[in-house]
Amino acid sequence: MRHHCSICYEYLFDSLKQTTVLNCGHTMHSHCLREMLKHDKYSCPICSKSVTDMSRTWRKLDEEIEATVMPGNYRYKKVWILCNDCNDTTEVFFHAMGQKCSHCQSYNTRAVAPPVLPR
């Protein structure tokens, strides 16, 4: 706990407020975590891993994506993504609503440049 809260930046070791250790191992005040969730922020501010079980949200997003047809010029477009939850880099089909990690099924992803192959 010799770190600062990543939200309010108070030194946690000296703090009298209750702290929480996230699944990723980072720490913050419990109150700061509740405020973060109340403002629809569900990822760690340090490493971007999901801080709660998002599987129900991902299933709803699956249904929405399945019901939303992409325009022809985007239908077969592929992009490279980095999953913030499992750190896997994969190539997936682009969708305006989000890109799903094929390894852990999370939508907590971001687009990245294609990997450079060694010559």
PDB file of N, CA and C in Angstrom:
ATOM      1  N   MET A   1       0.811  -1.195   0.000  1.00  0.00           N
ATOM      2  CA  MET A   1       0.000   0.000   0.000  1.00  0.00           C
ATOM      3  C   MET A   1       0.857   1.262   0.000  1.00  0.00           C
ATOM      4  N   ARG A   2       2.109   1.145  -0.339  1.00  0.00           N
ATOM      5  CA  ARG A   2       2.970   2.329  -0.378  1.00  0.00           C
ATOM      6  C   ARG A   2       2.876   2.988  -1.756  1.00  0.00           C
ATOM      7  N   HIS A   3       1.649   3.244  -2.162  1.00  0.00           N
ATOM      8  CA  HIS A   3       1.360   3.880  -3.442  1.00  0.00           C
ATOM      9  C   HIS A   3       0.332   4.975  -3.210  1.00  0.00           C
ATOM     10  N   HIS A   4       0.103   5.752  -4.240  1.00  0.00           N
ATOM     11  CA  HIS A   4      -0.928   6.781  -4.190  1.00  0.00           C
ATOM     12  C   HIS A   4      -2.204   6.232  -4.823  1.00  0.00           C
ATOM     13  N   CYS A   5      -3.349   6.699  -4.352  1.00  0.00           N
ATOM     14  CA  CYS A   5      -4.624   6.362  -4.982  1.00  0.00           C
ATOM     15  C   CYS A   5      -4.586   6.923  -6.398  1.00  0.00           C
ATOM     16  N   SER A   6      -4.928   6.104  -7.373  1.00  0.00           N
ATOM     17  CA  SER A   6      -4.840   6.542  -8.766  1.00  0.00           C
ATOM     18  C   SER A   6      -5.958   7.506  -9.155  1.00  0.00           C
ATOM     19  N   ILE A   7      -6.915   7.734  -8.271  1.00  0.00           N
ATOM     20  CA  ILE A   7      -7.991   8.686  -8.546  1.00  0.00           C
ATOM     21  C   ILE A   7      -7.717  10.028  -7.864  1.00  0.00           C
ATOM     22  N   CYS A   8      -7.578  10.026  -6.542  1.00  0.00           N
ATOM     23  CA  CYS A   8      -7.399  11.289  -5.801  1.00  0.00           C
ATOM     24  C   CYS A   8      -5.938  11.582  -5.477  1.00  0.00           C
ATOM     25  N   TYR A   9      -5.071  10.626  -5.696  1.00  0.00           N
ATOM     26  CA  TYR A   9      -3.626  10.713  -5.494  1.00  0.00           C
ATOM     27  C   TYR A   9      -3.209  10.908  -4.038  1.00  0.00           C
ATOM     28  N   GLU A  10      -4.075  10.539  -3.108  1.00  0.00           N
ATOM     29  CA  GLU A  10      -3.674  10.554  -1.699  1.00  0.00           C
ATOM     30  C   GLU A  10      -2.770   9.350  -1.446  1.00  0.00           C
ATOM     31  N   TYR A  11      -1.752   9.524  -0.627  1.00  0.00           N
ATOM     32  CA  TYR A  11      -0.826   8.440  -0.294  1.00  0.00           C
ATOM     33  C   TYR A  11      -1.574   7.399   0.535  1.00  0.00           C
ATOM     34  N   LEU A  12      -1.704   6.186   0.025  1.00  0.00           N
ATOM     35  CA  LEU A  12      -2.535   5.160   0.659  1.00  0.00           C
ATOM     36  C   LEU A  12      -1.958   4.652   1.976  1.00  0.00           C
ATOM     37  N   PHE A  13      -0.648   4.656   2.117  1.00  0.00           N
ATOM     38  CA  PHE A  13      -0.032   4.129   3.335  1.00  0.00           C
ATOM     39  C   PHE A  13      -0.411   4.962   4.559  1.00  0.00           C
ATOM     40  N   ASP A  14      -0.556   6.260   4.371  1.00  0.00           N
ATOM     41  CA  ASP A  14      -0.914   7.166   5.468  1.00  0.00           C
ATOM     42  C   ASP A  14      -2.415   7.392   5.592  1.00  0.00           C
ATOM     43  N   SER A  15      -3.178   6.935   4.610  1.00  0.00           N
ATOM     44  CA  SER A  15      -4.605   7.240   4.563  1.00  0.00           C
ATOM     45  C   SER A  15      -5.389   6.466   5.617  1.00  0.00           C
ATOM     46  N   LEU A  16      -6.387   7.106   6.177  1.00  0.00           N
ATOM     47  CA  LEU A  16      -7.290   6.445   7.124  1.00  0.00           C
ATOM     48  C   LEU A  16      -8.511   5.876   6.416  1.00  0.00           C
ATOM     49  N   LYS A  17      -8.660   6.180   5.131  1.00  0.00           N
ATOM     50  CA  LYS A  17      -9.800   5.702   4.349  1.00  0.00           C
ATOM     51  C   LYS A  17      -9.573   4.253   3.924  1.00  0.00           C
ATOM     52  N   GLN A  18     -10.686   3.521   3.773  1.00  0.00           N
ATOM     53  CA  GLN A  18     -10.620   2.116   3.353  1.00  0.00           C
ATOM     54  C   GLN A  18     -10.092   2.027   1.923  1.00  0.00           C
ATOM     55  N   THR A  19      -9.254   1.030   1.677  1.00  0.00           N
ATOM     56  CA  THR A  19      -8.690   0.836   0.342  1.00  0.00           C
ATOM     57  C   THR A  19      -9.171  -0.480  -0.254  1.00  0.00           C
ATOM     58  N   THR A  20      -9.055  -0.571  -1.562  1.00  0.00           N
ATOM     59  CA  THR A  20      -9.445  -1.758  -2.309  1.00  0.00           C
ATOM     60  C   THR A  20      -8.298  -2.160  -3.219  1.00  0.00           C
ATOM     61  N   VAL A  21      -8.026  -3.453  -3.287  1.00  0.00           N
ATOM     62  CA  VAL A  21      -7.050  -3.977  -4.238  1.00  0.00           C
ATOM     63  C   VAL A  21      -7.843  -4.528  -5.414  1.00  0.00           C
ATOM     64  N   LEU A  22      -7.611  -3.994  -6.596  1.00  0.00           N
ATOM     65  CA  LEU A  22      -8.319  -4.431  -7.794  1.00  0.00           C
ATOM     66  C   LEU A  22      -7.785  -5.784  -8.258  1.00  0.00           C
ATOM     67  N   ASN A  23      -8.521  -6.438  -9.163  1.00  0.00           N
ATOM     68  CA  ASN A  23      -8.096  -7.740  -9.702  1.00  0.00           C
ATOM     69  C   ASN A  23      -6.710  -7.668 -10.335  1.00  0.00           C
ATOM     70  N   CYS A  24      -6.369  -6.516 -10.885  1.00  0.00           N
ATOM     71  CA  CYS A  24      -5.078  -6.351 -11.547  1.00  0.00           C
ATOM     72  C   CYS A  24      -3.944  -6.127 -10.554  1.00  0.00           C
ATOM     73  N   GLY A  25      -4.296  -5.901  -9.274  1.00  0.00           N
ATOM     74  CA  GLY A  25      -3.284  -5.692  -8.254  1.00  0.00           C
ATOM     75  C   GLY A  25      -3.067  -4.238  -7.870  1.00  0.00           C
ATOM     76  N   HIS A  26      -3.621  -3.307  -8.631  1.00  0.00           N
ATOM     77  CA  HIS A  26      -3.495  -1.894  -8.284  1.00  0.00           C
ATOM     78  C   HIS A  26      -4.454  -1.557  -7.145  1.00  0.00           C
ATOM     79  N   THR A  27      -4.118  -0.530  -6.392  1.00  0.00           N
ATOM     80  CA  THR A  27      -4.908  -0.167  -5.214  1.00  0.00           C
ATOM     81  C   THR A  27      -5.460   1.244  -5.343  1.00  0.00           C
ATOM     82  N   MET A  28      -6.608   1.449  -4.696  1.00  0.00           N
ATOM     83  CA  MET A  28      -7.219   2.774  -4.626  1.00  0.00           C
ATOM     84  C   MET A  28      -8.178   2.801  -3.450  1.00  0.00           C
ATOM     85  N   HIS A  29      -8.628   3.983  -3.090  1.00  0.00           N
ATOM     86  CA  HIS A  29      -9.629   4.093  -2.036  1.00  0.00           C
ATOM     87  C   HIS A  29     -10.933   3.440  -2.494  1.00  0.00           C
ATOM     88  N   SER A  30     -11.615   2.779  -1.592  1.00  0.00           N
ATOM     89  CA  SER A  30     -12.903   2.158  -1.913  1.00  0.00           C
ATOM     90  C   SER A  30     -13.898   3.210  -2.385  1.00  0.00           C
ATOM     91  N   HIS A  31     -13.893   4.372  -1.736  1.00  0.00           N
ATOM     92  CA  HIS A  31     -14.795   5.459  -2.126  1.00  0.00           C
ATOM     93  C   HIS A  31     -14.488   5.929  -3.551  1.00  0.00           C
ATOM     94  N   CYS A  32     -13.227   6.043  -3.890  1.00  0.00           N
ATOM     95  CA  CYS A  32     -12.839   6.468  -5.237  1.00  0.00           C
ATOM     96  C   CYS A  32     -13.283   5.441  -6.277  1.00  0.00           C
ATOM     97  N   LEU A  33     -13.184   4.157  -5.942  1.00  0.00           N
ATOM     98  CA  LEU A  33     -13.650   3.106  -6.853  1.00  0.00           C
ATOM     99  C   LEU A  33     -15.153   3.225  -7.063  1.00  0.00           C
ATOM    100  N   ARG A  34     -15.918   3.421  -5.988  1.00  0.00           N
ATOM    101  CA  ARG A  34     -17.379   3.563  -6.120  1.00  0.00           C
ATOM    102  C   ARG A  34     -17.732   4.768  -6.995  1.00  0.00           C
ATOM    103  N   GLU A  35     -17.033   5.868  -6.798  1.00  0.00           N
ATOM    104  CA  GLU A  35     -17.276   7.063  -7.620  1.00  0.00           C
ATOM    105  C   GLU A  35     -16.945   6.791  -9.087  1.00  0.00           C
ATOM    106  N   MET A  36     -15.868   6.081  -9.322  1.00  0.00           N
ATOM    107  CA  MET A  36     -15.460   5.742 -10.680  1.00  0.00           C
ATOM    108  C   MET A  36     -16.537   4.898 -11.361  1.00  0.00           C
ATOM    109  N   LEU A  37     -17.051   3.882 -10.659  1.00  0.00           N
ATOM    110  CA  LEU A  37     -18.090   3.018 -11.212  1.00  0.00           C
ATOM    111  C   LEU A  37     -19.385   3.794 -11.432  1.00  0.00           C
ATOM    112  N   LYS A  38     -19.687   4.722 -10.533  1.00  0.00           N
ATOM    113  CA  LYS A  38     -20.893   5.536 -10.663  1.00  0.00           C
ATOM    114  C   LYS A  38     -20.843   6.388 -11.934  1.00  0.00           C
ATOM    115  N   HIS A  39     -19.648   6.728 -12.375  1.00  0.00           N
ATOM    116  CA  HIS A  39     -19.471   7.517 -13.590  1.00  0.00           C
ATOM    117  C   HIS A  39     -19.172   6.633 -14.809  1.00  0.00           C
ATOM    118  N   ASP A  40     -19.570   5.364 -14.721  1.00  0.00           N
ATOM    119  CA  ASP A  40     -19.456   4.404 -15.833  1.00  0.00           C
ATOM    120  C   ASP A  40     -18.029   4.194 -16.318  1.00  0.00           C
ATOM    121  N   LYS A  41     -17.078   4.223 -15.411  1.00  0.00           N
ATOM    122  CA  LYS A  41     -15.682   3.909 -15.723  1.00  0.00           C
ATOM    123  C   LYS A  41     -15.386   2.551 -15.100  1.00  0.00           C
ATOM    124  N   TYR A  42     -15.194   1.542 -15.945  1.00  0.00           N
ATOM    125  CA  TYR A  42     -15.083   0.168 -15.469  1.00  0.00           C
ATOM    126  C   TYR A  42     -13.698  -0.436 -15.658  1.00  0.00           C
ATOM    127  N   SER A  43     -12.707   0.392 -15.928  1.00  0.00           N
ATOM    128  CA  SER A  43     -11.358  -0.138 -16.108  1.00  0.00           C
ATOM    129  C   SER A  43     -10.380   0.589 -15.194  1.00  0.00           C
ATOM    130  N   CYS A  44      -9.334  -0.116 -14.838  1.00  0.00           N
ATOM    131  CA  CYS A  44      -8.306   0.430 -13.957  1.00  0.00           C
ATOM    132  C   CYS A  44      -7.673   1.659 -14.616  1.00  0.00           C
ATOM    133  N   PRO A  45      -7.559   2.770 -13.893  1.00  0.00           N
ATOM    134  CA  PRO A  45      -6.959   3.963 -14.493  1.00  0.00           C
ATOM    135  C   PRO A  45      -5.462   3.823 -14.773  1.00  0.00           C
ATOM    136  N   ILE A  46      -4.829   2.796 -14.237  1.00  0.00           N
ATOM    137  CA  ILE A  46      -3.394   2.603 -14.459  1.00  0.00           C
ATOM    138  C   ILE A  46      -3.134   1.653 -15.628  1.00  0.00           C
ATOM    139  N   CYS A  47      -3.768   0.474 -15.611  1.00  0.00           N
ATOM    140  CA  CYS A  47      -3.453  -0.541 -16.625  1.00  0.00           C
ATOM    141  C   CYS A  47      -4.604  -0.832 -17.593  1.00  0.00           C
ATOM    142  N   SER A  48      -5.769  -0.266 -17.376  1.00  0.00           N
ATOM    143  CA  SER A  48      -6.952  -0.408 -18.244  1.00  0.00           C
ATOM    144  C   SER A  48      -7.632  -1.770 -18.178  1.00  0.00           C
ATOM    145  N   LYS A  49      -7.244  -2.657 -17.272  1.00  0.00           N
ATOM    146  CA  LYS A  49      -7.949  -3.934 -17.126  1.00  0.00           C
ATOM    147  C   LYS A  49      -9.318  -3.677 -16.497  1.00  0.00           C
ATOM    148  N   SER A  50     -10.305  -4.505 -16.832  1.00  0.00           N
ATOM    149  CA  SER A  50     -11.645  -4.369 -16.264  1.00  0.00           C
ATOM    150  C   SER A  50     -11.582  -4.555 -14.756  1.00  0.00           C
ATOM    151  N   VAL A  51     -12.321  -3.720 -14.017  1.00  0.00           N
ATOM    152  CA  VAL A  51     -12.300  -3.812 -12.555  1.00  0.00           C
ATOM    153  C   VAL A  51     -13.475  -4.616 -12.013  1.00  0.00           C
ATOM    154  N   THR A  52     -14.453  -4.940 -12.858  1.00  0.00           N
ATOM    155  CA  THR A  52     -15.589  -5.762 -12.440  1.00  0.00           C
ATOM    156  C   THR A  52     -15.832  -6.831 -13.493  1.00  0.00           C
ATOM    157  N   ASP A  53     -16.687  -7.787 -13.172  1.00  0.00           N
ATOM    158  CA  ASP A  53     -17.069  -8.821 -14.132  1.00  0.00           C
ATOM    159  C   ASP A  53     -17.968  -8.179 -15.183  1.00  0.00           C
ATOM    160  N   MET A  54     -17.494  -8.091 -16.396  1.00  0.00           N
ATOM    161  CA  MET A  54     -18.220  -7.427 -17.472  1.00  0.00           C
ATOM    162  C   MET A  54     -18.908  -8.414 -18.409  1.00  0.00           C
ATOM    163  N   SER A  55     -18.940  -9.699 -18.073  1.00  0.00           N
ATOM    164  CA  SER A  55     -19.444 -10.718 -19.000  1.00  0.00           C
ATOM    165  C   SER A  55     -20.890 -10.464 -19.423  1.00  0.00           C
ATOM    166  N   ARG A  56     -21.732  -9.993 -18.512  1.00  0.00           N
ATOM    167  CA  ARG A  56     -23.126  -9.719 -18.881  1.00  0.00           C
ATOM    168  C   ARG A  56     -23.197  -8.566 -19.883  1.00  0.00           C
ATOM    169  N   THR A  57     -22.378  -7.556 -19.691  1.00  0.00           N
ATOM    170  CA  THR A  57     -22.322  -6.426 -20.621  1.00  0.00           C
ATOM    171  C   THR A  57     -21.804  -6.879 -21.977  1.00  0.00           C
ATOM    172  N   TRP A  58     -20.789  -7.750 -21.971  1.00  0.00           N
ATOM    173  CA  TRP A  58     -20.240  -8.237 -23.243  1.00  0.00           C
ATOM    174  C   TRP A  58     -21.287  -9.051 -23.995  1.00  0.00           C
ATOM    175  N   ARG A  59     -22.111  -9.851 -23.287  1.00  0.00           N
ATOM    176  CA  ARG A  59     -23.171 -10.623 -23.962  1.00  0.00           C
ATOM    177  C   ARG A  59     -24.194  -9.689 -24.606  1.00  0.00           C
ATOM    178  N   LYS A  60     -24.566  -8.620 -23.914  1.00  0.00           N
ATOM    179  CA  LYS A  60     -25.502  -7.646 -24.496  1.00  0.00           C
ATOM    180  C   LYS A  60     -24.888  -6.992 -25.727  1.00  0.00           C
ATOM    181  N   LEU A  61     -23.621  -6.673 -25.650  1.00  0.00           N
ATOM    182  CA  LEU A  61     -22.936  -6.070 -26.790  1.00  0.00           C
ATOM    183  C   LEU A  61     -22.855  -7.052 -27.957  1.00  0.00           C
ATOM    184  N   ASP A  62     -22.652  -8.341 -27.664  1.00  0.00           N
ATOM    185  CA  ASP A  62     -22.687  -9.378 -28.711  1.00  0.00           C
ATOM    186  C   ASP A  62     -24.009  -9.324 -29.471  1.00  0.00           C
ATOM    187  N   GLU A  63     -25.114  -9.243 -28.723  1.00  0.00           N
ATOM    188  CA  GLU A  63     -26.449  -9.212 -29.342  1.00  0.00           C
ATOM    189  C   GLU A  63     -26.636  -7.955 -30.185  1.00  0.00           C
ATOM    190  N   GLU A  64     -26.197  -6.814 -29.677  1.00  0.00           N
ATOM    191  CA  GLU A  64     -26.329  -5.564 -30.425  1.00  0.00           C
ATOM    192  C   GLU A  64     -25.498  -5.591 -31.700  1.00  0.00           C
ATOM    193  N   ILE A  65     -24.295  -6.120 -31.612  1.00  0.00           N
ATOM    194  CA  ILE A  65     -23.424  -6.188 -32.790  1.00  0.00           C
ATOM    195  C   ILE A  65     -23.998  -7.146 -33.821  1.00  0.00           C
ATOM    196  N   GLU A  66     -24.539  -8.266 -33.352  1.00  0.00           N
ATOM    197  CA  GLU A  66     -25.145  -9.229 -34.276  1.00  0.00           C
ATOM    198  C   GLU A  66     -26.340  -8.618 -35.002  1.00  0.00           C
ATOM    199  N   ALA A  67     -27.061  -7.728 -34.341  1.00  0.00           N
ATOM    200  CA  ALA A  67     -28.244  -7.105 -34.936  1.00  0.00           C
ATOM    201  C   ALA A  67     -27.907  -5.887 -35.791  1.00  0.00           C
ATOM    202  N   THR A  68     -26.669  -5.433 -35.763  1.00  0.00           N
ATOM    203  CA  THR A  68     -26.267  -4.238 -36.502  1.00  0.00           C
ATOM    204  C   THR A  68     -25.400  -4.639 -37.688  1.00  0.00           C
ATOM    205  N   VAL A  69     -25.933  -4.453 -38.879  1.00  0.00           N
ATOM    206  CA  VAL A  69     -25.201  -4.801 -40.095  1.00  0.00           C
ATOM    207  C   VAL A  69     -24.285  -3.638 -40.468  1.00  0.00           C
ATOM    208  N   MET A  70     -23.051  -3.963 -40.721  1.00  0.00           N
ATOM    209  CA  MET A  70     -22.082  -2.942 -41.129  1.00  0.00           C
ATOM    210  C   MET A  70     -22.235  -2.666 -42.625  1.00  0.00           C
ATOM    211  N   PRO A  71     -21.980  -1.425 -43.065  1.00  0.00           N
ATOM    212  CA  PRO A  71     -22.012  -1.114 -44.499  1.00  0.00           C
ATOM    213  C   PRO A  71     -21.001  -1.974 -45.256  1.00  0.00           C
ATOM    214  N   GLY A  72     -21.262  -2.189 -46.522  1.00  0.00           N
ATOM    215  CA  GLY A  72     -20.451  -3.080 -47.342  1.00  0.00           C
ATOM    216  C   GLY A  72     -18.960  -2.825 -47.299  1.00  0.00           C
ATOM    217  N   ASN A  73     -18.554  -1.557 -47.317  1.00  0.00           N
ATOM    218  CA  ASN A  73     -17.116  -1.265 -47.350  1.00  0.00           C
ATOM    219  C   ASN A  73     -16.428  -1.549 -46.015  1.00  0.00           C
ATOM    220  N   TYR A  74     -17.194  -1.792 -44.944  1.00  0.00           N
ATOM    221  CA  TYR A  74     -16.614  -2.139 -43.640  1.00  0.00           C
ATOM    222  C   TYR A  74     -16.871  -3.590 -43.240  1.00  0.00           C
ATOM    223  N   ARG A  75     -17.745  -4.262 -43.968  1.00  0.00           N
ATOM    224  CA  ARG A  75     -18.198  -5.592 -43.558  1.00  0.00           C
ATOM    225  C   ARG A  75     -17.057  -6.593 -43.382  1.00  0.00           C
ATOM    226  N   TYR A  76     -16.054  -6.551 -44.239  1.00  0.00           N
ATOM    227  CA  TYR A  76     -14.967  -7.531 -44.162  1.00  0.00           C
ATOM    228  C   TYR A  76     -13.632  -6.883 -43.795  1.00  0.00           C
ATOM    229  N   LYS A  77     -13.688  -5.667 -43.289  1.00  0.00           N
ATOM    230  CA  LYS A  77     -12.470  -4.960 -42.888  1.00  0.00           C
ATOM    231  C   LYS A  77     -11.946  -5.576 -41.590  1.00  0.00           C
ATOM    232  N   LYS A  78     -10.659  -5.829 -41.545  1.00  0.00           N
ATOM    233  CA  LYS A  78     -10.039  -6.386 -40.342  1.00  0.00           C
ATOM    234  C   LYS A  78      -9.108  -5.349 -39.719  1.00  0.00           C
ATOM    235  N   VAL A  79      -9.008  -5.414 -38.392  1.00  0.00           N
ATOM    236  CA  VAL A  79      -8.119  -4.525 -37.644  1.00  0.00           C
ATOM    237  C   VAL A  79      -7.376  -5.345 -36.604  1.00  0.00           C
ATOM    238  N   TRP A  80      -6.232  -4.848 -36.201  1.00  0.00           N
ATOM    239  CA  TRP A  80      -5.472  -5.468 -35.119  1.00  0.00           C
ATOM    240  C   TRP A  80      -5.869  -4.801 -33.813  1.00  0.00           C
ATOM    241  N   ILE A  81      -6.076  -5.608 -32.776  1.00  0.00           N
ATOM    242  CA  ILE A  81      -6.454  -5.074 -31.467  1.00  0.00           C
ATOM    243  C   ILE A  81      -5.540  -5.621 -30.377  1.00  0.00           C
ATOM    244  N   LEU A  82      -5.437  -4.849 -29.316  1.00  0.00           N
ATOM    245  CA  LEU A  82      -4.784  -5.297 -28.090  1.00  0.00           C
ATOM    246  C   LEU A  82      -5.871  -5.372 -27.039  1.00  0.00           C
ATOM    247  N   CYS A  83      -6.017  -6.520 -26.410  1.00  0.00           N
ATOM    248  CA  CYS A  83      -7.004  -6.682 -25.348  1.00  0.00           C
ATOM    249  C   CYS A  83      -6.407  -6.154 -24.048  1.00  0.00           C
ATOM    250  N   ASN A  84      -7.109  -5.228 -23.420  1.00  0.00           N
ATOM    251  CA  ASN A  84      -6.637  -4.670 -22.155  1.00  0.00           C
ATOM    252  C   ASN A  84      -6.774  -5.661 -21.005  1.00  0.00           C
ATOM    253  N   ASP A  85      -7.635  -6.679 -21.158  1.00  0.00           N
ATOM    254  CA  ASP A  85      -7.847  -7.646 -20.078  1.00  0.00           C
ATOM    255  C   ASP A  85      -6.851  -8.799 -20.100  1.00  0.00           C
ATOM    256  N   CYS A  86      -6.563  -9.361 -21.277  1.00  0.00           N
ATOM    257  CA  CYS A  86      -5.658 -10.521 -21.327  1.00  0.00           C
ATOM    258  C   CYS A  86      -4.327 -10.211 -22.022  1.00  0.00           C
ATOM    259  N   ASN A  87      -4.177  -8.993 -22.551  1.00  0.00           N
ATOM    260  CA  ASN A  87      -2.954  -8.545 -23.232  1.00  0.00           C
ATOM    261  C   ASN A  87      -2.652  -9.298 -24.517  1.00  0.00           C
ATOM    262  N   ASP A  88      -3.649  -9.951 -25.095  1.00  0.00           N
ATOM    263  CA  ASP A  88      -3.462 -10.666 -26.352  1.00  0.00           C
ATOM    264  C   ASP A  88      -3.625  -9.686 -27.518  1.00  0.00           C
ATOM    265  N   THR A  89      -2.838  -9.853 -28.552  1.00  0.00           N
ATOM    266  CA  THR A  89      -2.953  -9.050 -29.769  1.00  0.00           C
ATOM    267  C   THR A  89      -3.453  -9.961 -30.873  1.00  0.00           C
ATOM    268  N   THR A  90      -4.580  -9.591 -31.485  1.00  0.00           N
ATOM    269  CA  THR A  90      -5.180 -10.423 -32.527  1.00  0.00           C
ATOM    270  C   THR A  90      -5.761  -9.551 -33.629  1.00  0.00           C
ATOM    271  N   GLU A  91      -6.000 -10.175 -34.765  1.00  0.00           N
ATOM    272  CA  GLU A  91      -6.664  -9.514 -35.880  1.00  0.00           C
ATOM    273  C   GLU A  91      -8.121  -9.949 -35.873  1.00  0.00           C
ATOM    274  N   VAL A  92      -9.032  -8.979 -35.887  1.00  0.00           N
ATOM    275  CA  VAL A  92     -10.470  -9.268 -35.824  1.00  0.00           C
ATOM    276  C   VAL A  92     -11.197  -8.408 -36.850  1.00  0.00           C
ATOM    277  N   PHE A  93     -12.461  -8.764 -37.107  1.00  0.00           N
ATOM    278  CA  PHE A  93     -13.281  -7.948 -37.992  1.00  0.00           C
ATOM    279  C   PHE A  93     -13.671  -6.653 -37.283  1.00  0.00           C
ATOM    280  N   PHE A  94     -13.598  -5.553 -38.017  1.00  0.00           N
ATOM    281  CA  PHE A  94     -13.958  -4.247 -37.470  1.00  0.00           C
ATOM    282  C   PHE A  94     -15.468  -4.148 -37.301  1.00  0.00           C
ATOM    283  N   HIS A  95     -15.909  -3.528 -36.225  1.00  0.00           N
ATOM    284  CA  HIS A  95     -17.310  -3.160 -36.044  1.00  0.00           C
ATOM    285  C   HIS A  95     -17.341  -1.829 -35.318  1.00  0.00           C
ATOM    286  N   ALA A  96     -18.235  -0.958 -35.725  1.00  0.00           N
ATOM    287  CA  ALA A  96     -18.315   0.381 -35.144  1.00  0.00           C
ATOM    288  C   ALA A  96     -18.645   0.353 -33.654  1.00  0.00           C
ATOM    289  N   MET A  97     -19.295  -0.710 -33.184  1.00  0.00           N
ATOM    290  CA  MET A  97     -19.689  -0.785 -31.774  1.00  0.00           C
ATOM    291  C   MET A  97     -18.603  -1.368 -30.882  1.00  0.00           C
ATOM    292  N   GLY A  98     -17.588  -1.980 -31.462  1.00  0.00           N
ATOM    293  CA  GLY A  98     -16.498  -2.522 -30.660  1.00  0.00           C
ATOM    294  C   GLY A  98     -15.874  -3.746 -31.287  1.00  0.00           C
ATOM    295  N   GLN A  99     -14.662  -4.047 -30.868  1.00  0.00           N
ATOM    296  CA  GLN A  99     -13.936  -5.224 -31.333  1.00  0.00           C
ATOM    297  C   GLN A  99     -13.775  -6.196 -30.172  1.00  0.00           C
ATOM    298  N   LYS A 100     -14.120  -7.439 -30.412  1.00  0.00           N
ATOM    299  CA  LYS A 100     -14.098  -8.463 -29.369  1.00  0.00           C
ATOM    300  C   LYS A 100     -12.801  -9.258 -29.425  1.00  0.00           C
ATOM    301  N   CYS A 101     -12.194  -9.435 -28.268  1.00  0.00           N
ATOM    302  CA  CYS A 101     -10.996 -10.265 -28.170  1.00  0.00           C
ATOM    303  C   CYS A 101     -11.387 -11.720 -28.414  1.00  0.00           C
ATOM    304  N   SER A 102     -10.718 -12.367 -29.342  1.00  0.00           N
ATOM    305  CA  SER A 102     -11.041 -13.766 -29.637  1.00  0.00           C
ATOM    306  C   SER A 102     -10.464 -14.712 -28.593  1.00  0.00           C
ATOM    307  N   HIS A 103      -9.595 -14.212 -27.728  1.00  0.00           N
ATOM    308  CA  HIS A 103      -8.987 -15.049 -26.696  1.00  0.00           C
ATOM    309  C   HIS A 103      -9.835 -15.100 -25.431  1.00  0.00           C
ATOM    310  N   CYS A 104     -10.229 -13.925 -24.884  1.00  0.00           N
ATOM    311  CA  CYS A 104     -10.970 -13.906 -23.609  1.00  0.00           C
ATOM    312  C   CYS A 104     -12.405 -13.406 -23.744  1.00  0.00           C
ATOM    313  N   GLN A 105     -12.835 -13.054 -24.951  1.00  0.00           N
ATOM    314  CA  GLN A 105     -14.203 -12.619 -25.255  1.00  0.00           C
ATOM    315  C   GLN A 105     -14.545 -11.233 -24.710  1.00  0.00           C
ATOM    316  N   SER A 106     -13.560 -10.438 -24.350  1.00  0.00           N
ATOM    317  CA  SER A 106     -13.772  -9.097 -23.809  1.00  0.00           C
ATOM    318  C   SER A 106     -13.844  -8.068 -24.934  1.00  0.00           C
ATOM    319  N   TYR A 107     -14.599  -7.013 -24.705  1.00  0.00           N
ATOM    320  CA  TYR A 107     -14.623  -5.876 -25.621  1.00  0.00           C
ATOM    321  C   TYR A 107     -13.748  -4.739 -25.098  1.00  0.00           C
ATOM    322  N   ASN A 108     -13.020  -4.986 -24.028  1.00  0.00           N
ATOM    323  CA  ASN A 108     -12.118  -3.984 -23.460  1.00  0.00           C
ATOM    324  C   ASN A 108     -10.825  -4.015 -24.277  1.00  0.00           C
ATOM    325  N   THR A 109     -10.921  -3.506 -25.501  1.00  0.00           N
ATOM    326  CA  THR A 109      -9.824  -3.598 -26.462  1.00  0.00           C
ATOM    327  C   THR A 109      -9.522  -2.228 -27.045  1.00  0.00           C
ATOM    328  N   ARG A 110      -8.380  -2.152 -27.712  1.00  0.00           N
ATOM    329  CA  ARG A 110      -8.024  -0.934 -28.438  1.00  0.00           C
ATOM    330  C   ARG A 110      -7.307  -1.329 -29.719  1.00  0.00           C
ATOM    331  N   ALA A 111      -7.490  -0.512 -30.740  1.00  0.00           N
ATOM    332  CA  ALA A 111      -6.845  -0.771 -32.024  1.00  0.00           C
ATOM    333  C   ALA A 111      -5.354  -0.471 -31.916  1.00  0.00           C
ATOM    334  N   VAL A 112      -4.562  -1.316 -32.546  1.00  0.00           N
ATOM    335  CA  VAL A 112      -3.109  -1.136 -32.571  1.00  0.00           C
ATOM    336  C   VAL A 112      -2.611  -1.352 -33.993  1.00  0.00           C
ATOM    337  N   ALA A 113      -1.388  -0.958 -34.237  1.00  0.00           N
ATOM    338  CA  ALA A 113      -0.765  -1.186 -35.538  1.00  0.00           C
ATOM    339  C   ALA A 113      -0.489  -2.680 -35.701  1.00  0.00           C
ATOM    340  N   PRO A 114      -0.509  -3.171 -36.932  1.00  0.00           N
ATOM    341  CA  PRO A 114      -0.187  -4.585 -37.147  1.00  0.00           C
ATOM    342  C   PRO A 114       1.221  -4.899 -36.656  1.00  0.00           C
ATOM    343  N   PRO A 115       1.436  -6.121 -36.193  1.00  0.00           N
ATOM    344  CA  PRO A 115       2.783  -6.482 -35.733  1.00  0.00           C
ATOM    345  C   PRO A 115       3.776  -6.456 -36.892  1.00  0.00           C
ATOM    346  N   VAL A 116       4.993  -6.088 -36.587  1.00  0.00           N
ATOM    347  CA  VAL A 116       6.053  -6.045 -37.595  1.00  0.00           C
ATOM    348  C   VAL A 116       6.764  -7.388 -37.575  1.00  0.00           C
ATOM    349  N   LEU A 117       6.809  -8.025 -38.725  1.00  0.00           N
ATOM    350  CA  LEU A 117       7.474  -9.322 -38.830  1.00  0.00           C
ATOM    351  C   LEU A 117       8.972  -9.114 -39.022  1.00  0.00           C
ATOM    352  N   PRO A 118       9.791  -9.916 -38.363  1.00  0.00           N
ATOM    353  CA  PRO A 118      11.247  -9.787 -38.548  1.00  0.00           C
ATOM    354  C   PRO A 118      11.644 -10.155 -39.969  1.00  0.00           C
ATOM    355  N   ARG A 119      12.656  -9.483 -40.468  1.00  0.00           N
ATOM    356  CA  ARG A 119      13.110  -9.760 -41.851  1.00  0.00           C
ATOM    357  C   ARG A 119      14.144 -10.834 -41.867  1.00  0.00           C
TER     358      ARG A 119
END
